[in-house]
Amino acid sequence: MPTITDLKKIIFDSDLSFEEKEELSWMFSGGTEEEIAAGVRLFTEDPIWIRRVSDNYRKKKMAFLTDDLDLWKQILEEEKGYADEKKSAE
């Protein structure tokens, strides 16, 4: 089963900025084995998901810190679109 080290390697080999890589790695650091394996699988199958997950995390952090309800709604719409896209690709 993939480990957090495997996931971090994928993240740090991506085109994210160093700060984004650190944040995304930190986000997964408390994950279960299944969550880490899912991250490795998702990021390996289509690396565009590295950027999407990173951007989503950053937007959620901003929405939380600013208590921005409109941003939360935008995030949920994007997530629904991503879920629909992923489902139709399977």
PDB file of N, CA and C in Angstrom:
ATOM      1  N   MET A   1       0.853  -1.182   0.000  1.00  0.00           N
ATOM      2  CA  MET A   1       0.000   0.000   0.000  1.00  0.00           C
ATOM      3  C   MET A   1       0.901   1.249   0.000  1.00  0.00           C
ATOM      4  N   PRO A   2       0.529   2.255  -0.790  1.00  0.00           N
ATOM      5  CA  PRO A   2       1.343   3.480  -0.839  1.00  0.00           C
ATOM      6  C   PRO A   2       1.420   4.168   0.524  1.00  0.00           C
ATOM      7  N   THR A   3       2.522   4.839   0.760  1.00  0.00           N
ATOM      8  CA  THR A   3       2.747   5.527   2.032  1.00  0.00           C
ATOM      9  C   THR A   3       2.701   7.036   1.836  1.00  0.00           C
ATOM     10  N   ILE A   4       2.725   7.768   2.938  1.00  0.00           N
ATOM     11  CA  ILE A   4       2.758   9.228   2.872  1.00  0.00           C
ATOM     12  C   ILE A   4       4.024   9.692   2.140  1.00  0.00           C
ATOM     13  N   THR A   5       5.097   8.951   2.262  1.00  0.00           N
ATOM     14  CA  THR A   5       6.332   9.286   1.545  1.00  0.00           C
ATOM     15  C   THR A   5       6.108   9.213   0.037  1.00  0.00           C
ATOM     16  N   ASP A   6       5.396   8.185  -0.418  1.00  0.00           N
ATOM     17  CA  ASP A   6       5.073   8.064  -1.844  1.00  0.00           C
ATOM     18  C   ASP A   6       4.226   9.255  -2.306  1.00  0.00           C
ATOM     19  N   LEU A   7       3.250   9.620  -1.492  1.00  0.00           N
ATOM     20  CA  LEU A   7       2.372  10.727  -1.839  1.00  0.00           C
ATOM     21  C   LEU A   7       3.135  12.051  -1.872  1.00  0.00           C
ATOM     22  N   LYS A   8       3.991  12.256  -0.888  1.00  0.00           N
ATOM     23  CA  LYS A   8       4.794  13.490  -0.853  1.00  0.00           C
ATOM     24  C   LYS A   8       5.711  13.589  -2.065  1.00  0.00           C
ATOM     25  N   LYS A   9       6.259  12.466  -2.504  1.00  0.00           N
ATOM     26  CA  LYS A   9       7.127  12.488  -3.694  1.00  0.00           C
ATOM     27  C   LYS A   9       6.338  12.953  -4.913  1.00  0.00           C
ATOM     28  N   ILE A  10       5.131  12.432  -5.067  1.00  0.00           N
ATOM     29  CA  ILE A  10       4.283  12.847  -6.184  1.00  0.00           C
ATOM     30  C   ILE A  10       3.986  14.341  -6.092  1.00  0.00           C
ATOM     31  N   ILE A  11       3.642  14.804  -4.900  1.00  0.00           N
ATOM     32  CA  ILE A  11       3.323  16.219  -4.702  1.00  0.00           C
ATOM     33  C   ILE A  11       4.542  17.086  -4.989  1.00  0.00           C
ATOM     34  N   PHE A  12       5.694  16.714  -4.456  1.00  0.00           N
ATOM     35  CA  PHE A  12       6.886  17.545  -4.616  1.00  0.00           C
ATOM     36  C   PHE A  12       7.476  17.474  -6.021  1.00  0.00           C
ATOM     37  N   ASP A  13       7.083  16.482  -6.809  1.00  0.00           N
ATOM     38  CA  ASP A  13       7.498  16.418  -8.209  1.00  0.00           C
ATOM     39  C   ASP A  13       6.560  17.227  -9.114  1.00  0.00           C
ATOM     40  N   SER A  14       5.498  17.784  -8.533  1.00  0.00           N
ATOM     41  CA  SER A  14       4.509  18.524  -9.326  1.00  0.00           C
ATOM     42  C   SER A  14       4.981  19.949  -9.593  1.00  0.00           C
ATOM     43  N   ASP A  15       4.156  20.686 -10.332  1.00  0.00           N
ATOM     44  CA  ASP A  15       4.499  22.073 -10.668  1.00  0.00           C
ATOM     45  C   ASP A  15       3.938  23.084  -9.667  1.00  0.00           C
ATOM     46  N   LEU A  16       3.439  22.629  -8.534  1.00  0.00           N
ATOM     47  CA  LEU A  16       2.980  23.547  -7.488  1.00  0.00           C
ATOM     48  C   LEU A  16       4.162  24.351  -6.959  1.00  0.00           C
ATOM     49  N   SER A  17       3.874  25.510  -6.389  1.00  0.00           N
ATOM     50  CA  SER A  17       4.934  26.265  -5.723  1.00  0.00           C
ATOM     51  C   SER A  17       5.359  25.491  -4.472  1.00  0.00           C
ATOM     52  N   PHE A  18       6.511  25.854  -3.926  1.00  0.00           N
ATOM     53  CA  PHE A  18       6.991  25.158  -2.731  1.00  0.00           C
ATOM     54  C   PHE A  18       5.976  25.284  -1.593  1.00  0.00           C
ATOM     55  N   GLU A  19       5.420  26.466  -1.419  1.00  0.00           N
ATOM     56  CA  GLU A  19       4.421  26.691  -0.356  1.00  0.00           C
ATOM     57  C   GLU A  19       3.196  25.802  -0.568  1.00  0.00           C
ATOM     58  N   GLU A  20       2.732  25.694  -1.809  1.00  0.00           N
ATOM     59  CA  GLU A  20       1.582  24.844  -2.106  1.00  0.00           C
ATOM     60  C   GLU A  20       1.905  23.371  -1.847  1.00  0.00           C
ATOM     61  N   LYS A  21       3.100  22.963  -2.192  1.00  0.00           N
ATOM     62  CA  LYS A  21       3.523  21.582  -1.942  1.00  0.00           C
ATOM     63  C   LYS A  21       3.528  21.288  -0.442  1.00  0.00           C
ATOM     64  N   GLU A  22       4.067  22.225   0.335  1.00  0.00           N
ATOM     65  CA  GLU A  22       4.101  22.056   1.791  1.00  0.00           C
ATOM     66  C   GLU A  22       2.691  21.941   2.364  1.00  0.00           C
ATOM     67  N   GLU A  23       1.793  22.829   1.918  1.00  0.00           N
ATOM     68  CA  GLU A  23       0.415  22.803   2.420  1.00  0.00           C
ATOM     69  C   GLU A  23      -0.297  21.505   2.060  1.00  0.00           C
ATOM     70  N   LEU A  24      -0.160  21.078   0.818  1.00  0.00           N
ATOM     71  CA  LEU A  24      -0.839  19.860   0.380  1.00  0.00           C
ATOM     72  C   LEU A  24      -0.279  18.634   1.105  1.00  0.00           C
ATOM     73  N   SER A  25       1.022  18.596   1.292  1.00  0.00           N
ATOM     74  CA  SER A  25       1.634  17.491   2.044  1.00  0.00           C
ATOM     75  C   SER A  25       1.136  17.477   3.480  1.00  0.00           C
ATOM     76  N   TRP A  26       1.054  18.656   4.081  1.00  0.00           N
ATOM     77  CA  TRP A  26       0.567  18.761   5.458  1.00  0.00           C
ATOM     78  C   TRP A  26      -0.880  18.285   5.543  1.00  0.00           C
ATOM     79  N   MET A  27      -1.696  18.665   4.538  1.00  0.00           N
ATOM     80  CA  MET A  27      -3.101  18.284   4.540  1.00  0.00           C
ATOM     81  C   MET A  27      -3.258  16.763   4.584  1.00  0.00           C
ATOM     82  N   PHE A  28      -2.417  16.051   3.853  1.00  0.00           N
ATOM     83  CA  PHE A  28      -2.514  14.593   3.812  1.00  0.00           C
ATOM     84  C   PHE A  28      -1.787  13.912   4.974  1.00  0.00           C
ATOM     85  N   SER A  29      -0.959  14.640   5.708  1.00  0.00           N
ATOM     86  CA  SER A  29      -0.108  14.005   6.727  1.00  0.00           C
ATOM     87  C   SER A  29      -0.900  13.302   7.826  1.00  0.00           C
ATOM     88  N   GLY A  30      -2.105  13.729   8.089  1.00  0.00           N
ATOM     89  CA  GLY A  30      -2.921  13.067   9.107  1.00  0.00           C
ATOM     90  C   GLY A  30      -3.892  12.062   8.529  1.00  0.00           C
ATOM     91  N   GLY A  31      -3.756  11.777   7.229  1.00  0.00           N
ATOM     92  CA  GLY A  31      -4.691  10.883   6.553  1.00  0.00           C
ATOM     93  C   GLY A  31      -4.505   9.428   6.925  1.00  0.00           C
ATOM     94  N   THR A  32      -5.567   8.683   6.731  1.00  0.00           N
ATOM     95  CA  THR A  32      -5.507   7.240   6.950  1.00  0.00           C
ATOM     96  C   THR A  32      -4.765   6.590   5.784  1.00  0.00           C
ATOM     97  N   GLU A  33      -4.433   5.322   5.930  1.00  0.00           N
ATOM     98  CA  GLU A  33      -3.779   4.597   4.840  1.00  0.00           C
ATOM     99  C   GLU A  33      -4.638   4.610   3.580  1.00  0.00           C
ATOM    100  N   GLU A  34      -5.944   4.467   3.760  1.00  0.00           N
ATOM    101  CA  GLU A  34      -6.863   4.453   2.616  1.00  0.00           C
ATOM    102  C   GLU A  34      -6.902   5.818   1.935  1.00  0.00           C
ATOM    103  N   GLU A  35      -6.910   6.903   2.710  1.00  0.00           N
ATOM    104  CA  GLU A  35      -6.931   8.247   2.133  1.00  0.00           C
ATOM    105  C   GLU A  35      -5.639   8.538   1.375  1.00  0.00           C
ATOM    106  N   ILE A  36      -4.528   8.114   1.944  1.00  0.00           N
ATOM    107  CA  ILE A  36      -3.235   8.310   1.283  1.00  0.00           C
ATOM    108  C   ILE A  36      -3.178   7.506  -0.011  1.00  0.00           C
ATOM    109  N   ALA A  37      -3.640   6.261   0.050  1.00  0.00           N
ATOM    110  CA  ALA A  37      -3.657   5.421  -1.157  1.00  0.00           C
ATOM    111  C   ALA A  37      -4.557   6.038  -2.224  1.00  0.00           C
ATOM    112  N   ALA A  38      -5.701   6.587  -1.812  1.00  0.00           N
ATOM    113  CA  ALA A  38      -6.610   7.233  -2.765  1.00  0.00           C
ATOM    114  C   ALA A  38      -5.943   8.460  -3.387  1.00  0.00           C
ATOM    115  N   GLY A  39      -5.213   9.221  -2.588  1.00  0.00           N
ATOM    116  CA  GLY A  39      -4.492  10.377  -3.106  1.00  0.00           C
ATOM    117  C   GLY A  39      -3.434   9.972  -4.118  1.00  0.00           C
ATOM    118  N   VAL A  40      -2.678   8.954  -3.807  1.00  0.00           N
ATOM    119  CA  VAL A  40      -1.651   8.462  -4.739  1.00  0.00           C
ATOM    120  C   VAL A  40      -2.309   8.008  -6.043  1.00  0.00           C
ATOM    121  N   ARG A  41      -3.390   7.250  -5.922  1.00  0.00           N
ATOM    122  CA  ARG A  41      -4.095   6.752  -7.105  1.00  0.00           C
ATOM    123  C   ARG A  41      -4.635   7.916  -7.950  1.00  0.00           C
ATOM    124  N   LEU A  42      -5.290   8.874  -7.315  1.00  0.00           N
ATOM    125  CA  LEU A  42      -5.868  10.012  -8.023  1.00  0.00           C
ATOM    126  C   LEU A  42      -4.792  10.851  -8.707  1.00  0.00           C
ATOM    127  N   PHE A  43      -3.722  11.173  -7.977  1.00  0.00           N
ATOM    128  CA  PHE A  43      -2.667  12.034  -8.513  1.00  0.00           C
ATOM    129  C   PHE A  43      -1.843  11.333  -9.589  1.00  0.00           C
ATOM    130  N   THR A  44      -1.761  10.002  -9.513  1.00  0.00           N
ATOM    131  CA  THR A  44      -1.019   9.240 -10.509  1.00  0.00           C
ATOM    132  C   THR A  44      -1.833   9.069 -11.792  1.00  0.00           C
ATOM    133  N   GLU A  45      -3.130   8.816 -11.633  1.00  0.00           N
ATOM    134  CA  GLU A  45      -3.997   8.630 -12.800  1.00  0.00           C
ATOM    135  C   GLU A  45      -4.090   9.896 -13.640  1.00  0.00           C
ATOM    136  N   ASP A  46      -4.189  11.049 -12.975  1.00  0.00           N
ATOM    137  CA  ASP A  46      -4.301  12.314 -13.702  1.00  0.00           C
ATOM    138  C   ASP A  46      -3.730  13.437 -12.832  1.00  0.00           C
ATOM    139  N   PRO A  47      -2.504  13.848 -13.122  1.00  0.00           N
ATOM    140  CA  PRO A  47      -1.832  14.859 -12.296  1.00  0.00           C
ATOM    141  C   PRO A  47      -2.557  16.200 -12.193  1.00  0.00           C
ATOM    142  N   ILE A  48      -3.552  16.470 -13.054  1.00  0.00           N
ATOM    143  CA  ILE A  48      -4.318  17.719 -12.928  1.00  0.00           C
ATOM    144  C   ILE A  48      -5.000  17.805 -11.563  1.00  0.00           C
ATOM    145  N   TRP A  49      -5.252  16.650 -10.958  1.00  0.00           N
ATOM    146  CA  TRP A  49      -5.907  16.615  -9.652  1.00  0.00           C
ATOM    147  C   TRP A  49      -5.016  17.181  -8.550  1.00  0.00           C
ATOM    148  N   ILE A  50      -3.713  17.173  -8.734  1.00  0.00           N
ATOM    149  CA  ILE A  50      -2.821  17.777  -7.731  1.00  0.00           C
ATOM    150  C   ILE A  50      -3.152  19.257  -7.614  1.00  0.00           C
ATOM    151  N   ARG A  51      -3.235  19.945  -8.735  1.00  0.00           N
ATOM    152  CA  ARG A  51      -3.572  21.369  -8.744  1.00  0.00           C
ATOM    153  C   ARG A  51      -4.988  21.595  -8.216  1.00  0.00           C
ATOM    154  N   ARG A  52      -5.930  20.773  -8.650  1.00  0.00           N
ATOM    155  CA  ARG A  52      -7.315  20.945  -8.220  1.00  0.00           C
ATOM    156  C   ARG A  52      -7.471  20.798  -6.709  1.00  0.00           C
ATOM    157  N   VAL A  53      -6.860  19.769  -6.147  1.00  0.00           N
ATOM    158  CA  VAL A  53      -6.974  19.533  -4.705  1.00  0.00           C
ATOM    159  C   VAL A  53      -6.268  20.654  -3.935  1.00  0.00           C
ATOM    160  N   SER A  54      -5.117  21.067  -4.414  1.00  0.00           N
ATOM    161  CA  SER A  54      -4.385  22.160  -3.776  1.00  0.00           C
ATOM    162  C   SER A  54      -5.202  23.452  -3.800  1.00  0.00           C
ATOM    163  N   ASP A  55      -5.735  23.800  -4.967  1.00  0.00           N
ATOM    164  CA  ASP A  55      -6.536  25.016  -5.086  1.00  0.00           C
ATOM    165  C   ASP A  55      -7.779  24.942  -4.213  1.00  0.00           C
ATOM    166  N   ASN A  56      -8.420  23.777  -4.184  1.00  0.00           N
ATOM    167  CA  ASN A  56      -9.618  23.587  -3.376  1.00  0.00           C
ATOM    168  C   ASN A  56      -9.307  23.793  -1.895  1.00  0.00           C
ATOM    169  N   TYR A  57      -8.210  23.223  -1.441  1.00  0.00           N
ATOM    170  CA  TYR A  57      -7.807  23.371  -0.043  1.00  0.00           C
ATOM    171  C   TYR A  57      -7.560  24.846   0.293  1.00  0.00           C
ATOM    172  N   ARG A  58      -6.858  25.539  -0.584  1.00  0.00           N
ATOM    173  CA  ARG A  58      -6.539  26.955  -0.345  1.00  0.00           C
ATOM    174  C   ARG A  58      -7.805  27.812  -0.325  1.00  0.00           C
ATOM    175  N   LYS A  59      -8.743  27.512  -1.228  1.00  0.00           N
ATOM    176  CA  LYS A  59     -10.002  28.250  -1.240  1.00  0.00           C
ATOM    177  C   LYS A  59     -10.804  27.998   0.033  1.00  0.00           C
ATOM    178  N   LYS A  60     -10.817  26.750   0.484  1.00  0.00           N
ATOM    179  CA  LYS A  60     -11.537  26.434   1.724  1.00  0.00           C
ATOM    180  C   LYS A  60     -10.917  27.151   2.912  1.00  0.00           C
ATOM    181  N   LYS A  61      -9.610  27.205   2.933  1.00  0.00           N
ATOM    182  CA  LYS A  61      -8.934  27.908   4.016  1.00  0.00           C
ATOM    183  C   LYS A  61      -9.318  29.386   4.004  1.00  0.00           C
ATOM    184  N   MET A  62      -9.327  29.988   2.823  1.00  0.00           N
ATOM    185  CA  MET A  62      -9.686  31.396   2.695  1.00  0.00           C
ATOM    186  C   MET A  62     -11.147  31.626   3.084  1.00  0.00           C
ATOM    187  N   ALA A  63     -12.039  30.761   2.634  1.00  0.00           N
ATOM    188  CA  ALA A  63     -13.459  30.893   2.969  1.00  0.00           C
ATOM    189  C   ALA A  63     -13.664  30.791   4.472  1.00  0.00           C
ATOM    190  N   PHE A  64     -12.956  29.894   5.105  1.00  0.00           N
ATOM    191  CA  PHE A  64     -13.054  29.731   6.550  1.00  0.00           C
ATOM    192  C   PHE A  64     -12.547  30.969   7.283  1.00  0.00           C
ATOM    193  N   LEU A  65     -11.385  31.458   6.871  1.00  0.00           N
ATOM    194  CA  LEU A  65     -10.779  32.603   7.551  1.00  0.00           C
ATOM    195  C   LEU A  65     -11.568  33.892   7.359  1.00  0.00           C
ATOM    196  N   THR A  66     -12.235  34.025   6.221  1.00  0.00           N
ATOM    197  CA  THR A  66     -12.976  35.258   5.931  1.00  0.00           C
ATOM    198  C   THR A  66     -14.477  35.105   6.157  1.00  0.00           C
ATOM    199  N   ASP A  67     -14.915  33.903   6.485  1.00  0.00           N
ATOM    200  CA  ASP A  67     -16.343  33.620   6.696  1.00  0.00           C
ATOM    201  C   ASP A  67     -17.167  34.049   5.475  1.00  0.00           C
ATOM    202  N   ASP A  68     -16.652  33.702   4.291  1.00  0.00           N
ATOM    203  CA  ASP A  68     -17.231  34.117   3.018  1.00  0.00           C
ATOM    204  C   ASP A  68     -18.198  33.050   2.498  1.00  0.00           C
ATOM    205  N   LEU A  69     -19.495  33.276   2.698  1.00  0.00           N
ATOM    206  CA  LEU A  69     -20.505  32.309   2.301  1.00  0.00           C
ATOM    207  C   LEU A  69     -20.552  32.122   0.788  1.00  0.00           C
ATOM    208  N   ASP A  70     -20.364  33.197   0.029  1.00  0.00           N
ATOM    209  CA  ASP A  70     -20.370  33.083  -1.434  1.00  0.00           C
ATOM    210  C   ASP A  70     -19.214  32.219  -1.928  1.00  0.00           C
ATOM    211  N   LEU A  71     -18.058  32.347  -1.290  1.00  0.00           N
ATOM    212  CA  LEU A  71     -16.918  31.510  -1.669  1.00  0.00           C
ATOM    213  C   LEU A  71     -17.201  30.053  -1.344  1.00  0.00           C
ATOM    214  N   TRP A  72     -17.838  29.779  -0.200  1.00  0.00           N
ATOM    215  CA  TRP A  72     -18.204  28.403   0.139  1.00  0.00           C
ATOM    216  C   TRP A  72     -19.124  27.818  -0.931  1.00  0.00           C
ATOM    217  N   LYS A  73     -20.088  28.611  -1.369  1.00  0.00           N
ATOM    218  CA  LYS A  73     -21.006  28.140  -2.408  1.00  0.00           C
ATOM    219  C   LYS A  73     -20.254  27.840  -3.701  1.00  0.00           C
ATOM    220  N   GLN A  74     -19.321  28.709  -4.067  1.00  0.00           N
ATOM    221  CA  GLN A  74     -18.511  28.498  -5.273  1.00  0.00           C
ATOM    222  C   GLN A  74     -17.699  27.206  -5.150  1.00  0.00           C
ATOM    223  N   ILE A  75     -17.123  26.985  -3.989  1.00  0.00           N
ATOM    224  CA  ILE A  75     -16.326  25.778  -3.750  1.00  0.00           C
ATOM    225  C   ILE A  75     -17.191  24.533  -3.923  1.00  0.00           C
ATOM    226  N   LEU A  76     -18.380  24.552  -3.358  1.00  0.00           N
ATOM    227  CA  LEU A  76     -19.274  23.396  -3.464  1.00  0.00           C
ATOM    228  C   LEU A  76     -19.692  23.134  -4.905  1.00  0.00           C
ATOM    229  N   GLU A  77     -19.936  24.192  -5.665  1.00  0.00           N
ATOM    230  CA  GLU A  77     -20.271  24.027  -7.082  1.00  0.00           C
ATOM    231  C   GLU A  77     -19.094  23.420  -7.852  1.00  0.00           C
ATOM    232  N   GLU A  78     -17.883  23.904  -7.574  1.00  0.00           N
ATOM    233  CA  GLU A  78     -16.703  23.333  -8.228  1.00  0.00           C
ATOM    234  C   GLU A  78     -16.540  21.863  -7.875  1.00  0.00           C
ATOM    235  N   GLU A  79     -16.722  21.533  -6.595  1.00  0.00           N
ATOM    236  CA  GLU A  79     -16.587  20.145  -6.167  1.00  0.00           C
ATOM    237  C   GLU A  79     -17.619  19.256  -6.851  1.00  0.00           C
ATOM    238  N   LYS A  80     -18.846  19.744  -6.973  1.00  0.00           N
ATOM    239  CA  LYS A  80     -19.877  18.981  -7.665  1.00  0.00           C
ATOM    240  C   LYS A  80     -19.473  18.751  -9.124  1.00  0.00           C
ATOM    241  N   GLY A  81     -18.944  19.781  -9.767  1.00  0.00           N
ATOM    242  CA  GLY A  81     -18.483  19.640 -11.144  1.00  0.00           C
ATOM    243  C   GLY A  81     -17.352  18.630 -11.262  1.00  0.00           C
ATOM    244  N   TYR A  82     -16.416  18.671 -10.321  1.00  0.00           N
ATOM    245  CA  TYR A  82     -15.304  17.703 -10.327  1.00  0.00           C
ATOM    246  C   TYR A  82     -15.821  16.279 -10.121  1.00  0.00           C
ATOM    247  N   ALA A  83     -16.778  16.114  -9.204  1.00  0.00           N
ATOM    248  CA  ALA A  83     -17.331  14.790  -8.933  1.00  0.00           C
ATOM    249  C   ALA A  83     -18.066  14.256 -10.165  1.00  0.00           C
ATOM    250  N   ASP A  84     -18.828  15.123 -10.815  1.00  0.00           N
ATOM    251  CA  ASP A  84     -19.545  14.719 -12.030  1.00  0.00           C
ATOM    252  C   ASP A  84     -18.553  14.330 -13.129  1.00  0.00           C
ATOM    253  N   GLU A  85     -17.497  15.123 -13.266  1.00  0.00           N
ATOM    254  CA  GLU A  85     -16.476  14.841 -14.278  1.00  0.00           C
ATOM    255  C   GLU A  85     -15.799  13.503 -14.002  1.00  0.00           C
ATOM    256  N   LYS A  86     -15.438  13.264 -12.755  1.00  0.00           N
ATOM    257  CA  LYS A  86     -14.760  12.023 -12.376  1.00  0.00           C
ATOM    258  C   LYS A  86     -15.676  10.833 -12.609  1.00  0.00           C
ATOM    259  N   LYS A  87     -16.944  10.993 -12.247  1.00  0.00           N
ATOM    260  CA  LYS A  87     -17.916   9.902 -12.417  1.00  0.00           C
ATOM    261  C   LYS A  87     -18.118   9.560 -13.892  1.00  0.00           C
ATOM    262  N   SER A  88     -18.186  10.583 -14.734  1.00  0.00           N
ATOM    263  CA  SER A  88     -18.414  10.334 -16.165  1.00  0.00           C
ATOM    264  C   SER A  88     -17.173   9.740 -16.846  1.00  0.00           C
ATOM    265  N   ALA A  89     -16.006   9.939 -16.260  1.00  0.00           N
ATOM    266  CA  ALA A  89     -14.768   9.398 -16.827  1.00  0.00           C
ATOM    267  C   ALA A  89     -14.605   7.921 -16.502  1.00  0.00           C
ATOM    268  N   GLU A  90     -15.320   7.438 -15.508  1.00  0.00           N
ATOM    269  CA  GLU A  90     -15.176   6.033 -15.086  1.00  0.00           C
ATOM    270  C   GLU A  90     -15.972   5.088 -15.918  1.00  0.00           C
TER     271      GLU A  90
END
